N, C-alpha and C. Protein backbone atom coordinates (compact mmCIF):
# COMPACT_ATOMS: atom_id res chain seq x y z
N UNK A 1 -32.48 168.09 1.64
CA UNK A 1 -32.92 168.85 0.14
C UNK A 1 -32.03 168.50 -0.69
N UNK A 2 -30.96 168.19 0.14
CA UNK A 2 -29.93 167.69 -1.32
C UNK A 2 -30.34 165.55 -1.42
N UNK A 3 -31.32 164.82 -1.13
CA UNK A 3 -31.86 163.91 -1.35
C UNK A 3 -32.72 163.93 -2.03
N UNK A 4 -33.40 165.41 -2.07
CA UNK A 4 -34.38 165.30 -2.33
C UNK A 4 -33.74 165.40 -4.39
N UNK A 5 -32.78 166.18 -4.48
CA UNK A 5 -31.93 166.45 -6.06
C UNK A 5 -31.87 165.31 -6.79
N UNK A 6 -30.25 164.28 -5.27
CA UNK A 6 -30.28 162.98 -5.73
C UNK A 6 -31.01 162.38 -6.59
N UNK A 7 -32.37 162.08 -5.53
CA UNK A 7 -33.90 161.58 -6.41
C UNK A 7 -33.52 161.94 -7.95
N UNK A 8 -34.25 163.06 -7.67
CA UNK A 8 -34.66 164.21 -9.74
C UNK A 8 -33.55 163.25 -10.38
N UNK A 9 -32.59 163.97 -10.02
CA UNK A 9 -31.27 163.58 -10.46
C UNK A 9 -31.40 162.14 -11.73
N UNK A 10 -31.44 160.55 -10.23
CA UNK A 10 -31.08 159.40 -10.99
C UNK A 10 -32.66 159.30 -11.55
N UNK A 11 -33.98 160.33 -11.51
CA UNK A 11 -35.03 159.38 -12.12
C UNK A 11 -34.74 160.21 -13.58
N UNK A 12 -34.08 161.00 -14.19
CA UNK A 12 -33.35 161.63 -15.11
C UNK A 12 -32.54 160.51 -15.59
N UNK A 13 -31.80 159.88 -14.89
CA UNK A 13 -30.88 159.03 -15.54
C UNK A 13 -31.55 158.38 -15.79
N UNK A 14 -31.98 157.68 -15.20
CA UNK A 14 -33.05 156.70 -15.75
C UNK A 14 -33.70 156.73 -16.49
N UNK A 15 -34.42 158.01 -17.38
CA UNK A 15 -35.23 158.60 -17.65
C UNK A 15 -35.34 157.92 -19.26
N UNK A 16 -33.83 158.90 -19.72
CA UNK A 16 -33.13 159.54 -20.23
C UNK A 16 -33.09 158.29 -21.67
N UNK A 17 -32.66 157.27 -21.11
CA UNK A 17 -32.43 155.35 -21.71
C UNK A 17 -33.94 154.83 -22.65
N UNK A 18 -34.63 155.09 -21.10
CA UNK A 18 -36.43 154.33 -21.53
C UNK A 18 -37.03 155.18 -22.58
N UNK A 19 -36.68 156.95 -22.95
CA UNK A 19 -37.47 157.22 -23.95
C UNK A 19 -36.51 157.41 -24.79
N UNK A 20 -35.22 157.10 -25.04
CA UNK A 20 -34.65 156.68 -26.31
C UNK A 20 -35.13 155.45 -26.92
N UNK A 21 -35.07 154.77 -26.13
CA UNK A 21 -36.03 153.10 -26.21
C UNK A 21 -37.08 153.08 -26.67
N UNK A 22 -38.32 153.81 -26.14
CA UNK A 22 -39.28 153.97 -26.84
C UNK A 22 -39.15 154.48 -28.09
N UNK A 23 -37.97 156.07 -28.19
CA UNK A 23 -38.39 156.78 -29.41
C UNK A 23 -37.75 155.42 -30.23
N UNK A 24 -36.73 154.66 -30.22
CA UNK A 24 -36.26 153.74 -31.51
C UNK A 24 -37.13 152.46 -31.59
N UNK A 25 -38.19 152.26 -30.91
CA UNK A 25 -39.18 151.08 -30.50
C UNK A 25 -39.95 151.32 -31.46
N UNK A 26 -40.61 152.92 -31.24
CA UNK A 26 -41.65 153.83 -31.98
C UNK A 26 -41.01 153.73 -33.82
N UNK A 27 -39.81 153.92 -34.37
CA UNK A 27 -38.96 153.86 -35.26
C UNK A 27 -39.44 152.51 -35.88
N UNK A 28 -38.75 151.61 -35.53
CA UNK A 28 -38.90 150.40 -35.79
C UNK A 28 -40.15 149.26 -35.87
N UNK A 29 -41.00 149.83 -35.35
CA UNK A 29 -42.55 149.82 -35.33
C UNK A 29 -43.13 150.72 -36.62
N UNK A 30 -43.01 151.50 -36.44
CA UNK A 30 -42.79 152.19 -37.95
C UNK A 30 -42.91 151.84 -39.49
N UNK A 31 -41.61 151.77 -39.27
CA UNK A 31 -40.88 151.07 -40.31
C UNK A 31 -41.26 149.77 -40.87
N UNK A 32 -40.81 148.51 -39.78
CA UNK A 32 -41.62 147.69 -39.61
C UNK A 32 -43.14 147.63 -40.68
N UNK A 33 -44.10 148.47 -39.67
CA UNK A 33 -45.56 148.65 -40.45
C UNK A 33 -45.24 149.16 -41.96
N UNK A 34 -44.76 149.94 -42.38
CA UNK A 34 -44.49 150.08 -43.38
C UNK A 34 -44.05 149.50 -44.68
N UNK A 35 -43.17 148.79 -43.89
CA UNK A 35 -42.53 147.49 -45.20
C UNK A 35 -43.35 146.48 -45.10
N UNK A 36 -44.00 145.83 -44.23
CA UNK A 36 -45.51 145.00 -44.30
C UNK A 36 -46.16 145.66 -45.26
N UNK A 37 -46.82 146.57 -45.32
CA UNK A 37 -47.78 147.32 -46.15
C UNK A 37 -47.28 147.69 -47.10
N UNK A 38 -46.13 147.57 -47.45
CA UNK A 38 -45.15 147.50 -48.89
C UNK A 38 -45.53 146.23 -49.88
N UNK A 39 -45.04 145.53 -48.81
CA UNK A 39 -44.71 144.22 -49.17
C UNK A 39 -46.35 143.46 -49.12
N UNK A 40 -47.31 143.41 -48.38
CA UNK A 40 -48.50 142.99 -49.06
C UNK A 40 -49.27 143.73 -49.98
N UNK A 41 -49.10 145.05 -50.63
CA UNK A 41 -48.92 145.47 -51.34
C UNK A 41 -48.83 145.12 -52.96
N UNK A 42 -47.23 144.55 -52.76
CA UNK A 42 -46.76 144.27 -53.76
C UNK A 42 -47.09 142.94 -54.71
N UNK A 43 -47.73 142.40 -53.24
CA UNK A 43 -47.68 140.97 -53.86
C UNK A 43 -49.73 140.86 -54.60
N UNK A 44 -49.96 142.47 -53.96
CA UNK A 44 -51.45 141.82 -55.01
C UNK A 44 -51.10 143.10 -55.58
N UNK A 45 -50.43 143.30 -56.28
CA UNK A 45 -49.74 144.03 -57.61
C UNK A 45 -50.12 143.32 -59.12
N UNK A 46 -51.26 143.89 -59.65
CA UNK A 46 -51.45 143.41 -61.04
C UNK A 46 -50.63 143.79 -62.07
N UNK A 47 -49.77 142.50 -62.67
CA UNK A 47 -48.56 143.79 -63.60
C UNK A 47 -49.18 143.26 -65.09
N UNK A 48 -48.95 144.12 -65.87
CA UNK A 48 -49.08 143.49 -67.46
C UNK A 48 -47.69 143.09 -67.35
N UNK A 49 -47.27 141.96 -68.44
CA UNK A 49 -46.61 141.28 -68.81
C UNK A 49 -45.89 141.22 -70.30
N UNK A 50 -44.74 141.02 -70.19
CA UNK A 50 -44.45 142.06 -71.60
C UNK A 50 -44.10 140.05 -72.74
N UNK A 51 -45.19 140.37 -73.43
CA UNK A 51 -45.34 139.12 -74.15
C UNK A 51 -45.01 139.35 -75.88
N UNK A 52 -43.80 138.28 -76.26
CA UNK A 52 -42.90 138.82 -77.53
C UNK A 52 -43.75 138.11 -78.97
N UNK A 53 -44.06 139.22 -80.27
CA UNK A 53 -45.29 139.43 -80.96
C UNK A 53 -44.35 137.92 -81.71
N UNK A 54 -44.74 137.27 -81.69
CA UNK A 54 -44.01 136.00 -82.58
C UNK A 54 -44.43 134.49 -82.20
N UNK A 55 -45.49 134.13 -83.62
CA UNK A 55 -45.64 133.24 -84.17
C UNK A 55 -45.50 131.14 -83.49
N UNK A 56 -45.65 130.62 -82.20
CA UNK A 56 -45.35 129.33 -82.53
C UNK A 56 -44.45 129.53 -81.22
N UNK A 57 -43.70 130.60 -80.40
CA UNK A 57 -43.01 130.40 -79.95
C UNK A 57 -41.74 130.37 -80.69
N UNK A 58 -41.46 130.68 -81.56
CA UNK A 58 -40.81 130.28 -81.92
C UNK A 58 -39.63 131.66 -82.38
N UNK A 59 -38.94 132.10 -81.26
CA UNK A 59 -38.16 133.02 -81.32
C UNK A 59 -36.78 132.59 -81.84
N UNK A 60 -36.78 134.08 -83.17
CA UNK A 60 -36.11 134.86 -84.20
C UNK A 60 -35.11 134.95 -83.48
N UNK A 61 -35.27 135.79 -82.20
CA UNK A 61 -34.45 136.78 -81.65
C UNK A 61 -35.18 136.71 -80.26
N UNK A 62 -34.66 137.40 -79.41
CA UNK A 62 -34.36 137.39 -77.87
C UNK A 62 -35.25 138.83 -77.98
N UNK A 63 -36.35 139.62 -77.19
CA UNK A 63 -36.61 140.78 -76.66
C UNK A 63 -36.50 141.59 -78.33
N UNK A 64 -37.58 140.95 -79.30
CA UNK A 64 -37.45 141.53 -80.90
C UNK A 64 -38.29 143.39 -80.77
N UNK A 65 -39.32 143.15 -78.99
CA UNK A 65 -39.26 145.07 -79.56
C UNK A 65 -39.00 144.62 -77.79
N UNK A 66 -38.91 146.39 -77.49
CA UNK A 66 -38.41 146.15 -76.04
C UNK A 66 -39.53 146.25 -74.69
N UNK A 67 -39.43 146.25 -74.02
CA UNK A 67 -40.73 146.23 -73.00
C UNK A 67 -40.87 147.37 -72.57
N UNK A 68 -42.51 147.80 -72.71
CA UNK A 68 -42.42 149.44 -72.24
C UNK A 68 -42.66 149.43 -70.38
N UNK A 69 -42.16 150.75 -70.30
CA UNK A 69 -41.72 150.87 -68.93
C UNK A 69 -43.24 150.29 -67.57
N UNK A 70 -42.62 149.27 -66.59
CA UNK A 70 -44.02 149.18 -66.44
C UNK A 70 -44.05 147.13 -66.54
N UNK A 71 -44.10 147.16 -67.49
CA UNK A 71 -44.02 145.30 -67.84
C UNK A 71 -43.18 144.78 -67.28
N UNK A 72 -44.09 143.91 -66.82
CA UNK A 72 -43.61 142.77 -66.01
C UNK A 72 -42.22 142.07 -66.99
N UNK A 73 -41.13 142.21 -66.52
CA UNK A 73 -40.35 141.34 -67.98
C UNK A 73 -39.82 139.41 -67.25
N UNK A 74 -40.36 139.07 -65.81
CA UNK A 74 -39.88 138.39 -65.42
C UNK A 74 -39.80 137.85 -63.85
N UNK A 75 -39.34 137.35 -63.80
CA UNK A 75 -39.06 136.72 -62.17
C UNK A 75 -37.78 137.15 -61.23
N UNK A 76 -37.06 137.19 -60.44
CA UNK A 76 -36.09 136.76 -59.81
C UNK A 76 -36.08 136.20 -58.36
N UNK A 77 -36.11 134.98 -58.83
CA UNK A 77 -35.70 133.65 -57.36
C UNK A 77 -33.75 133.73 -56.81
N UNK A 78 -34.56 133.60 -55.25
CA UNK A 78 -32.80 133.47 -54.74
C UNK A 78 -33.74 132.36 -54.05
N UNK A 79 -32.83 131.15 -54.42
CA UNK A 79 -33.02 130.02 -53.76
C UNK A 79 -32.92 130.17 -52.17
N UNK A 80 -31.19 130.66 -52.13
CA UNK A 80 -30.51 130.64 -51.04
C UNK A 80 -31.25 131.11 -49.82
N UNK A 81 -32.39 132.23 -50.02
CA UNK A 81 -32.38 132.88 -48.54
C UNK A 81 -34.28 132.80 -49.36
N UNK A 82 -34.64 132.56 -50.15
CA UNK A 82 -36.12 132.48 -50.24
C UNK A 82 -37.02 133.15 -50.83
N UNK A 83 -36.59 134.39 -51.62
CA UNK A 83 -36.77 134.90 -52.64
C UNK A 83 -36.93 134.98 -53.43
N UNK A 84 -38.03 135.45 -54.05
CA UNK A 84 -38.54 135.68 -55.55
C UNK A 84 -39.29 136.85 -55.54
N UNK A 85 -39.12 137.88 -56.69
CA UNK A 85 -39.47 138.56 -56.22
C UNK A 85 -39.76 139.49 -58.08
N UNK A 86 -41.11 139.83 -58.57
CA UNK A 86 -40.84 140.15 -60.27
C UNK A 86 -40.38 141.17 -60.52
N UNK A 87 -39.80 141.15 -61.49
CA UNK A 87 -38.93 141.86 -62.65
C UNK A 87 -39.69 142.60 -63.10
N UNK A 88 -39.71 144.31 -63.22
CA UNK A 88 -40.50 145.31 -64.51
C UNK A 88 -39.72 145.86 -64.86
N UNK A 89 -39.40 146.78 -66.54
CA UNK A 89 -39.19 147.13 -66.90
C UNK A 89 -39.02 148.68 -66.68
N UNK A 90 -37.77 148.94 -66.44
CA UNK A 90 -38.14 150.54 -65.06
C UNK A 90 -37.05 150.67 -64.24
N UNK A 91 -36.25 151.79 -63.55
CA UNK A 91 -35.73 152.03 -62.41
C UNK A 91 -36.47 152.96 -61.68
N UNK A 92 -37.49 154.06 -62.19
CA UNK A 92 -38.22 155.00 -61.38
C UNK A 92 -39.38 154.77 -60.15
N UNK A 93 -39.59 155.90 -59.67
CA UNK A 93 -40.43 155.11 -58.55
C UNK A 93 -41.73 154.42 -58.88
N UNK A 94 -42.29 154.60 -59.77
CA UNK A 94 -43.13 154.15 -60.03
C UNK A 94 -43.37 152.87 -60.38
N UNK A 95 -42.33 151.76 -60.91
CA UNK A 95 -41.76 150.92 -61.53
C UNK A 95 -40.85 149.51 -60.12
N UNK A 96 -40.05 150.52 -59.16
CA UNK A 96 -39.17 149.86 -58.20
C UNK A 96 -40.94 150.21 -57.50
N UNK A 97 -42.43 150.78 -57.00
CA UNK A 97 -42.67 149.57 -56.25
C UNK A 97 -43.51 148.91 -56.49
N UNK A 98 -43.12 148.24 -57.73
CA UNK A 98 -43.93 146.84 -58.09
C UNK A 98 -42.96 146.00 -58.29
N UNK A 99 -42.08 145.57 -57.59
CA UNK A 99 -40.91 144.65 -58.01
C UNK A 99 -39.07 145.93 -58.59
N UNK A 100 -38.26 144.88 -58.40
CA UNK A 100 -37.29 144.70 -58.87
C UNK A 100 -37.17 145.73 -60.82
N UNK A 101 -36.66 146.69 -60.69
CA UNK A 101 -36.78 147.33 -61.91
C UNK A 101 -35.48 147.38 -62.57
N UNK A 102 -35.42 146.52 -64.09
CA UNK A 102 -34.62 146.91 -65.60
C UNK A 102 -34.08 147.91 -65.69
N UNK A 103 -33.00 148.65 -65.65
CA UNK A 103 -32.64 149.37 -66.09
C UNK A 103 -32.19 149.98 -67.63
N UNK A 104 -33.41 150.95 -67.73
CA UNK A 104 -33.86 151.18 -69.19
C UNK A 104 -31.99 151.07 -69.91
N UNK A 105 -31.89 150.51 -71.16
CA UNK A 105 -31.07 150.27 -71.59
C UNK A 105 -29.45 149.50 -71.57
N UNK A 106 -29.32 149.14 -70.00
CA UNK A 106 -28.44 147.77 -69.96
C UNK A 106 -28.83 146.88 -70.76
N UNK A 107 -28.30 145.48 -71.01
CA UNK A 107 -28.71 144.13 -71.30
C UNK A 107 -29.89 144.00 -70.83
N UNK A 108 -30.63 142.64 -71.31
CA UNK A 108 -31.56 141.98 -71.21
C UNK A 108 -31.43 140.73 -70.75
N UNK A 109 -32.16 139.96 -70.18
CA UNK A 109 -30.74 138.45 -70.45
C UNK A 109 -31.07 138.00 -71.66
N UNK A 110 -30.16 137.20 -72.44
CA UNK A 110 -29.99 136.87 -73.44
C UNK A 110 -29.47 137.56 -74.64
N UNK A 111 -28.99 138.64 -74.12
CA UNK A 111 -28.40 139.51 -75.17
C UNK A 111 -26.67 139.85 -75.04
N UNK A 112 -26.54 138.47 -73.75
CA UNK A 112 -24.71 138.70 -73.72
C UNK A 112 -24.50 139.98 -73.41
N UNK A 113 -24.94 140.75 -72.82
CA UNK A 113 -24.02 141.75 -72.20
C UNK A 113 -24.70 141.84 -70.35
N UNK A 114 -24.23 143.70 -69.64
CA UNK A 114 -24.48 143.15 -68.49
C UNK A 114 -26.10 143.77 -68.04
N UNK A 115 -27.06 142.64 -67.16
CA UNK A 115 -28.10 143.09 -67.51
C UNK A 115 -28.14 143.77 -65.51
N UNK A 116 -28.39 144.56 -65.85
CA UNK A 116 -29.05 145.54 -64.69
C UNK A 116 -29.76 145.45 -64.28
N UNK A 117 -30.27 145.29 -62.87
CA UNK A 117 -31.49 145.37 -62.29
C UNK A 117 -31.36 145.91 -60.50
N UNK A 118 -32.21 147.00 -60.06
CA UNK A 118 -31.82 147.79 -59.28
C UNK A 118 -33.27 147.39 -57.80
N UNK A 119 -32.94 147.66 -56.78
CA UNK A 119 -34.96 147.72 -55.83
C UNK A 119 -34.22 148.01 -54.64
N UNK A 120 -35.78 148.66 -54.05
CA UNK A 120 -35.38 148.91 -52.84
C UNK A 120 -35.03 147.85 -51.39
N UNK A 121 -33.91 148.58 -50.50
CA UNK A 121 -33.45 147.69 -49.72
C UNK A 121 -34.26 146.67 -48.69
N UNK A 122 -35.43 147.85 -48.69
CA UNK A 122 -36.59 147.30 -47.48
C UNK A 122 -37.47 146.43 -47.68
N UNK A 123 -37.55 146.12 -49.46
CA UNK A 123 -38.59 145.22 -50.16
C UNK A 123 -37.99 144.71 -50.34
N UNK A 124 -38.07 144.90 -51.98
CA UNK A 124 -37.27 143.31 -52.55
C UNK A 124 -36.36 142.64 -52.33
N UNK A 125 -35.14 143.87 -52.18
CA UNK A 125 -34.27 143.35 -52.05
C UNK A 125 -33.38 143.12 -50.71
N UNK A 126 -34.10 143.27 -49.67
CA UNK A 126 -34.11 143.55 -48.50
C UNK A 126 -33.24 142.09 -48.06
N UNK A 127 -32.96 141.38 -48.93
CA UNK A 127 -32.40 139.93 -48.54
C UNK A 127 -30.79 139.24 -49.22
N UNK A 128 -30.80 140.87 -50.27
CA UNK A 128 -29.51 140.06 -50.72
C UNK A 128 -28.61 140.38 -49.71
N UNK A 129 -28.46 141.40 -48.33
CA UNK A 129 -27.25 141.50 -47.85
C UNK A 129 -26.91 139.84 -46.91
N UNK A 130 -27.94 139.19 -47.53
CA UNK A 130 -27.56 137.52 -46.47
C UNK A 130 -27.00 136.45 -47.77
N UNK A 131 -26.91 136.85 -49.13
CA UNK A 131 -26.70 136.52 -50.53
C UNK A 131 -24.78 136.12 -49.81
N UNK A 132 -24.40 135.37 -50.56
CA UNK A 132 -23.33 134.63 -50.60
C UNK A 132 -22.08 134.22 -52.01
N UNK A 133 -21.33 134.16 -51.93
CA UNK A 133 -20.93 133.93 -53.52
C UNK A 133 -20.97 132.13 -53.83
N UNK A 134 -21.38 132.52 -54.91
CA UNK A 134 -21.27 130.17 -54.95
C UNK A 134 -22.68 130.01 -55.77
N UNK A 135 -24.26 131.49 -54.55
CA UNK A 135 -25.37 131.02 -54.75
C UNK A 135 -26.02 131.39 -55.88
N UNK A 136 -27.43 130.81 -56.03
CA UNK A 136 -27.58 130.90 -57.97
C UNK A 136 -29.03 131.99 -58.03
N UNK A 137 -29.03 132.51 -58.64
CA UNK A 137 -30.07 134.06 -58.94
C UNK A 137 -30.45 132.85 -60.30
N UNK A 138 -31.94 133.04 -60.57
CA UNK A 138 -32.49 132.74 -61.43
C UNK A 138 -33.29 133.52 -62.15
N UNK A 139 -33.40 133.84 -63.26
CA UNK A 139 -34.24 135.14 -63.91
C UNK A 139 -35.05 134.35 -64.77
N UNK A 140 -36.55 134.05 -64.89
CA UNK A 140 -37.27 133.62 -65.70
C UNK A 140 -37.83 134.54 -66.31
N UNK A 141 -37.78 134.29 -67.82
CA UNK A 141 -38.16 135.13 -68.25
C UNK A 141 -39.07 134.26 -69.41
N UNK A 142 -39.88 135.26 -70.63
CA UNK A 142 -40.75 133.94 -71.36
C UNK A 142 -39.42 133.37 -72.06
N UNK A 143 -38.91 133.94 -72.04
CA UNK A 143 -37.72 132.76 -73.12
C UNK A 143 -37.38 131.48 -72.45
N UNK A 144 -37.73 131.79 -70.82
CA UNK A 144 -37.56 130.16 -70.51
C UNK A 144 -36.36 130.74 -68.68
N UNK A 145 -35.62 130.41 -68.03
CA UNK A 145 -35.08 130.55 -67.23
C UNK A 145 -33.11 130.70 -67.57
N UNK A 146 -32.80 132.26 -66.90
CA UNK A 146 -31.72 132.17 -67.47
C UNK A 146 -31.02 132.39 -65.32
N UNK A 147 -28.88 131.44 -65.35
CA UNK A 147 -29.23 130.94 -64.07
C UNK A 147 -27.81 131.88 -64.15
N UNK A 148 -27.84 132.37 -62.46
CA UNK A 148 -26.65 133.25 -62.38
C UNK A 148 -26.03 132.53 -61.42
N UNK A 149 -24.97 132.54 -61.21
CA UNK A 149 -23.75 132.57 -60.50
C UNK A 149 -23.83 133.44 -59.18
N UNK A 150 -23.45 134.66 -58.14
CA UNK A 150 -22.71 135.48 -57.45
C UNK A 150 -21.51 134.89 -57.16
N UNK A 151 -20.52 136.19 -57.91
CA UNK A 151 -19.22 136.06 -57.90
C UNK A 151 -18.79 137.23 -56.85
N UNK A 152 -19.35 138.26 -56.42
CA UNK A 152 -18.62 139.18 -55.99
C UNK A 152 -19.45 140.38 -55.46
N UNK A 153 -18.98 141.29 -54.13
CA UNK A 153 -20.25 142.31 -53.90
C UNK A 153 -18.94 142.99 -53.02
N UNK A 154 -19.89 144.32 -53.79
CA UNK A 154 -19.39 145.36 -53.41
C UNK A 154 -20.34 146.49 -52.62
N UNK A 155 -19.86 147.41 -51.50
CA UNK A 155 -20.35 149.28 -51.27
C UNK A 155 -19.49 150.25 -51.77
N UNK A 156 -20.21 150.94 -52.46
CA UNK A 156 -19.99 152.01 -53.30
C UNK A 156 -21.21 153.22 -53.02
N UNK A 157 -20.16 154.62 -53.37
CA UNK A 157 -21.21 155.60 -53.79
C UNK A 157 -22.66 155.38 -54.20
N UNK A 158 -22.93 156.05 -54.57
CA UNK A 158 -24.54 155.95 -54.32
C UNK A 158 -24.41 156.69 -56.45
N UNK A 159 -23.59 157.60 -56.48
CA UNK A 159 -23.27 157.95 -58.00
C UNK A 159 -22.20 157.24 -58.70
N UNK A 160 -21.81 156.08 -58.62
CA UNK A 160 -20.51 155.50 -58.92
C UNK A 160 -21.75 155.04 -60.22
N UNK A 161 -21.45 154.83 -61.20
CA UNK A 161 -22.19 154.35 -62.18
C UNK A 161 -21.58 153.52 -63.48
N UNK A 162 -20.45 153.06 -62.20
CA UNK A 162 -19.43 151.89 -62.93
C UNK A 162 -20.21 151.12 -62.96
N UNK A 163 -21.02 150.39 -62.26
CA UNK A 163 -21.61 149.60 -61.97
C UNK A 163 -22.58 148.88 -63.60
N UNK A 164 -23.04 150.03 -64.34
CA UNK A 164 -23.46 149.59 -65.35
C UNK A 164 -22.79 149.16 -66.98
N UNK A 165 -21.60 149.29 -66.75
CA UNK A 165 -20.71 149.78 -67.52
C UNK A 165 -20.56 148.72 -67.96
N UNK A 166 -21.28 148.61 -69.61
CA UNK A 166 -21.54 147.03 -70.58
C UNK A 166 -21.31 146.20 -70.26
N UNK A 167 -21.61 145.12 -71.11
CA UNK A 167 -19.88 144.08 -70.65
C UNK A 167 -20.03 143.38 -71.93
N UNK A 168 -18.51 142.43 -72.39
CA UNK A 168 -18.50 142.01 -73.87
C UNK A 168 -19.25 140.43 -73.17
N UNK A 169 -19.36 140.12 -71.92
CA UNK A 169 -20.38 138.48 -71.62
C UNK A 169 -21.52 138.88 -71.03
N UNK A 170 -22.49 138.12 -70.75
CA UNK A 170 -23.63 138.72 -69.58
C UNK A 170 -23.26 138.26 -68.44
N UNK A 171 -23.66 139.36 -67.62
CA UNK A 171 -23.64 139.63 -66.21
C UNK A 171 -24.96 139.99 -65.61
N UNK A 172 -24.89 139.72 -64.64
CA UNK A 172 -26.43 140.36 -64.33
C UNK A 172 -25.35 141.00 -62.62
N UNK A 173 -26.28 142.23 -63.00
CA UNK A 173 -25.56 143.09 -61.84
C UNK A 173 -27.17 143.52 -60.93
N UNK A 174 -26.82 143.23 -59.85
CA UNK A 174 -27.74 143.73 -58.75
C UNK A 174 -27.34 144.79 -57.69
N UNK A 175 -28.24 146.42 -57.82
CA UNK A 175 -27.78 147.31 -56.66
C UNK A 175 -29.09 147.48 -55.79
N UNK A 176 -29.31 147.49 -54.87
CA UNK A 176 -29.71 148.02 -54.02
C UNK A 176 -29.34 149.77 -53.20
N UNK A 177 -30.26 150.39 -52.22
CA UNK A 177 -29.20 151.11 -51.20
C UNK A 177 -28.63 150.77 -49.99
N UNK A 178 -27.67 150.96 -49.49
CA UNK A 178 -27.30 150.64 -48.01
C UNK A 178 -26.50 151.94 -47.80
N UNK A 179 -26.97 151.93 -46.45
CA UNK A 179 -26.93 150.80 -45.17
C UNK A 179 -28.07 150.64 -45.03
N UNK A 180 -28.46 148.51 -44.95
CA UNK A 180 -29.81 148.04 -45.26
C UNK A 180 -31.21 149.05 -44.40
N UNK A 181 -29.95 149.26 -43.00
CA UNK A 181 -30.83 149.78 -41.85
C UNK A 181 -30.67 151.34 -41.88
N UNK A 182 -30.51 151.44 -42.48
CA UNK A 182 -30.27 153.60 -42.62
C UNK A 182 -32.06 154.49 -43.08
N UNK A 183 -32.45 155.29 -41.99
CA UNK A 183 -33.05 155.89 -41.67
C UNK A 183 -32.64 157.20 -43.02
N UNK A 184 -33.75 157.10 -43.85
CA UNK A 184 -34.27 158.22 -45.03
C UNK A 184 -32.88 157.98 -46.44
N UNK A 185 -32.59 158.83 -46.86
CA UNK A 185 -31.82 158.00 -48.42
C UNK A 185 -31.21 158.07 -47.80
N UNK A 186 -30.60 156.65 -48.36
CA UNK A 186 -29.04 155.95 -47.78
C UNK A 186 -28.02 156.96 -48.63
N UNK A 187 -27.07 156.92 -48.48
CA UNK A 187 -25.41 157.32 -48.79
C UNK A 187 -25.23 156.82 -50.32
N UNK A 188 -25.21 155.30 -50.02
CA UNK A 188 -24.44 154.25 -50.56
C UNK A 188 -25.25 152.78 -51.41
N UNK A 189 -24.93 152.04 -52.07
CA UNK A 189 -25.17 151.06 -52.90
C UNK A 189 -24.32 150.00 -52.66
N UNK A 190 -25.44 149.27 -52.14
CA UNK A 190 -24.89 147.60 -52.25
C UNK A 190 -24.96 146.90 -53.69
N UNK A 191 -23.72 146.64 -54.21
CA UNK A 191 -23.61 145.62 -55.30
C UNK A 191 -23.94 144.01 -55.54
N UNK A 192 -24.21 143.48 -56.31
CA UNK A 192 -24.42 142.07 -56.24
C UNK A 192 -23.98 141.92 -57.79
N UNK A 193 -22.39 140.98 -58.02
CA UNK A 193 -22.10 140.83 -59.06
C UNK A 193 -21.90 138.80 -59.73
N UNK A 194 -22.78 138.81 -60.23
CA UNK A 194 -22.66 137.43 -60.93
C UNK A 194 -22.56 137.51 -62.18
N UNK A 195 -22.21 135.73 -62.41
CA UNK A 195 -21.88 135.09 -64.05
C UNK A 195 -22.86 134.41 -64.62
N UNK A 196 -23.15 134.67 -66.06
CA UNK A 196 -24.30 133.40 -65.96
C UNK A 196 -23.49 132.07 -66.18
N UNK A 197 -24.72 131.34 -65.97
CA UNK A 197 -24.05 129.93 -66.01
C UNK A 197 -24.91 128.68 -66.80
N UNK A 198 -25.97 129.16 -67.30
CA UNK A 198 -27.21 128.12 -67.88
C UNK A 198 -28.12 129.61 -68.90
N UNK A 199 -28.12 128.70 -69.58
CA UNK A 199 -29.39 129.87 -70.16
C UNK A 199 -30.45 129.08 -71.43
N UNK A 200 -31.77 129.56 -71.54
CA UNK A 200 -32.36 128.43 -72.34
C UNK A 200 -31.25 128.31 -73.65
N UNK A 201 -32.69 127.22 -74.43
CA UNK A 201 -31.20 126.97 -75.92
C UNK A 201 -31.83 127.83 -77.00
N UNK A 202 -32.77 128.54 -77.15
CA UNK A 202 -33.18 129.60 -77.80
C UNK A 202 -32.47 130.00 -77.42
N UNK A 203 -31.76 130.38 -76.84
CA UNK A 203 -31.14 131.64 -77.08
C UNK A 203 -29.61 131.44 -77.67
N UNK A 204 -29.51 130.64 -77.25
CA UNK A 204 -27.64 130.17 -77.65
C UNK A 204 -27.44 130.53 -79.28
N UNK A 205 -26.08 131.43 -79.34
CA UNK A 205 -25.83 131.54 -80.25
C UNK A 205 -25.11 130.51 -81.11
């Protein structure tokens, strides 16, 4: 009888870690599938592109009219981690399904202020965690390439709005949810700070 009980307890002890391993594997498989699905949909999403309504591309003013919500305003490239994502105007759910989103009210590239972009941690900004200080971030726009260099990283609470505070000089601030592998609504934000190092001639004043 005692031997039988020992066998039962032995089976229970062995089964518990196997159970959690299977559950964990199922969660990873589910989110892995969901990530793949979102990435494929993102790659095949047709976007309306913002086009300055000026003749002969002689730009007297950058962004003379504000892009409409959901309009593609450029592409963001991270050469060091092999990441290239579209950037659209707006940060609501519909916009963030299309790519990284530009926070309305923050500066646009070439306007000389704080350009704030947000993106999902499990799709377009999943590689932000691999960036290092001193690496290039290239923002390709209708006006040309704006090149930024990463200067700092910070983890802050989700309701910290100081990341969007205007600046007197041009900077690009990237935000995404944190922790990167958190299941559900992540409580914090991962912030990437950069400085402008190069810009198109037509945007220099």
